[in-house]
Amino acid sequence: MLRRPVEFAQLLPIALQTEASFDVQVATDAATALTLIDRFDEVATLALADCLSRSGRRVAARQLLIRYAEQMRSEFEEEPSPQLAEATARLRNGVSQN
């Protein structure tokens, strides 16, 4: 099992925060940090895509998920998970993730 820095566990709840009153930029920064710690962590990637989408950056969110799926295929020869495929489709179709 991959050992991650303590920061990963501390940042994850911030990145996953979806309450309307929560600052989406803070969540975006946390999710970005998570993807820098582990670029292959799907939960972190989905959290970042959600943050980008909520801040109006839907194209960036979709591109992030497409790049992630391509990296998983090329590096690990794995297809995207159903959750990643669904999130990508929602962004493509203009449907909110929440």
Protein backbone atom coordinates (compact mmCIF):
# COMPACT_ATOMS: atom_id res chain seq x y z
CA MET A 1 0.00 0.00 0.00
CA LEU A 2 1.23 3.47 -0.90
CA ARG A 3 2.23 5.58 2.07
CA ARG A 4 1.20 9.18 1.66
CA PRO A 5 2.27 12.18 3.67
CA VAL A 6 0.04 13.21 6.55
CA GLU A 7 -0.85 16.29 4.51
CA PHE A 8 -2.83 14.09 2.10
CA ALA A 9 -5.19 12.98 4.86
CA GLN A 10 -5.53 16.57 6.09
CA LEU A 11 -6.20 18.04 2.65
CA LEU A 12 -8.71 15.46 1.40
CA PRO A 13 -11.70 16.63 3.50
CA ILE A 14 -11.04 20.22 2.41
CA ALA A 15 -10.87 19.23 -1.25
CA LEU A 16 -14.12 17.28 -0.99
CA GLN A 17 -16.01 20.16 0.65
CA THR A 18 -19.10 21.01 -1.42
CA GLU A 19 -21.15 23.20 0.91
CA ALA A 20 -22.20 26.40 -0.83
CA SER A 21 -20.81 28.49 2.02
CA PHE A 22 -17.34 26.94 1.66
CA ASP A 23 -14.76 28.86 -0.40
CA VAL A 24 -14.37 26.89 -3.64
CA GLN A 25 -10.88 28.36 -4.15
CA VAL A 26 -9.72 26.85 -0.86
CA ALA A 27 -11.12 23.47 -1.97
CA THR A 28 -9.47 23.91 -5.39
CA ASP A 29 -6.11 24.67 -3.79
CA ALA A 30 -6.40 21.60 -1.55
CA ALA A 31 -7.39 19.36 -4.46
CA THR A 32 -4.51 20.72 -6.56
CA ALA A 33 -2.09 19.95 -3.74
CA LEU A 34 -3.47 16.42 -3.51
CA THR A 35 -2.88 15.82 -7.22
CA LEU A 36 0.68 17.06 -6.80
CA ILE A 37 1.23 14.60 -3.96
CA ASP A 38 -0.21 11.71 -5.97
CA ARG A 39 -1.02 12.42 -9.62
CA PHE A 40 -2.69 9.02 -9.98
CA ASP A 41 -5.13 9.39 -7.10
CA GLU A 42 -8.58 9.27 -8.67
CA VAL A 43 -10.43 10.75 -5.70
CA ALA A 44 -8.12 13.78 -5.73
CA THR A 45 -8.52 14.16 -9.48
CA LEU A 46 -12.30 13.94 -9.28
CA ALA A 47 -12.30 16.45 -6.41
CA LEU A 48 -10.20 18.88 -8.45
CA ALA A 49 -12.47 18.45 -11.47
CA ASP A 50 -15.50 19.14 -9.28
CA CYS A 51 -13.87 22.27 -7.83
CA LEU A 52 -12.97 23.53 -11.28
CA SER A 53 -16.50 22.88 -12.50
CA ARG A 54 -18.07 24.66 -9.51
CA SER A 55 -15.87 27.68 -10.16
CA GLY A 56 -17.07 27.87 -13.77
CA ARG A 57 -14.03 26.21 -15.33
CA ARG A 58 -15.89 23.28 -16.89
CA VAL A 59 -13.60 22.96 -19.90
CA ALA A 60 -10.54 22.76 -17.63
CA ALA A 61 -12.32 20.17 -15.49
CA ARG A 62 -13.18 18.03 -18.50
CA GLN A 63 -9.65 18.31 -19.90
CA LEU A 64 -8.24 17.27 -16.53
CA LEU A 65 -10.36 14.11 -16.50
CA ILE A 66 -9.52 13.27 -20.11
CA ARG A 67 -5.78 13.70 -19.42
CA TYR A 68 -6.05 11.59 -16.27
CA ALA A 69 -7.80 8.78 -18.18
CA GLU A 70 -5.15 8.92 -20.91
CA GLN A 71 -2.37 8.72 -18.31
CA MET A 72 -4.00 5.72 -16.64
CA ARG A 73 -4.22 3.98 -20.00
CA SER A 74 -0.64 4.75 -21.03
CA GLU A 75 1.06 4.22 -17.67
CA PHE A 76 -0.98 1.32 -16.26
CA GLU A 77 -3.00 0.05 -19.22
CA GLU A 78 -6.17 0.59 -17.19
CA GLU A 79 -9.48 1.96 -18.37
CA PRO A 80 -11.09 4.80 -16.41
CA SER A 81 -13.35 3.84 -13.55
CA PRO A 82 -17.11 4.17 -14.00
CA GLN A 83 -17.05 7.21 -11.70
CA LEU A 84 -14.46 8.96 -13.84
CA ALA A 85 -16.29 8.11 -17.05
CA GLU A 86 -19.57 9.40 -15.56
CA ALA A 87 -17.97 12.66 -14.38
CA THR A 88 -16.44 13.21 -17.81
CA ALA A 89 -19.80 12.57 -19.49
CA ARG A 90 -21.58 14.98 -17.11
CA LEU A 91 -19.07 17.69 -17.96
CA ARG A 92 -19.37 16.97 -21.67
CA ASN A 93 -23.17 17.19 -21.45
CA GLY A 94 -23.19 20.28 -19.22
CA VAL A 95 -24.76 18.56 -16.23
CA SER A 96 -23.75 19.62 -12.72
CA GLN A 97 -21.75 17.07 -10.73
CA ASN A 98 -23.61 17.89 -7.53
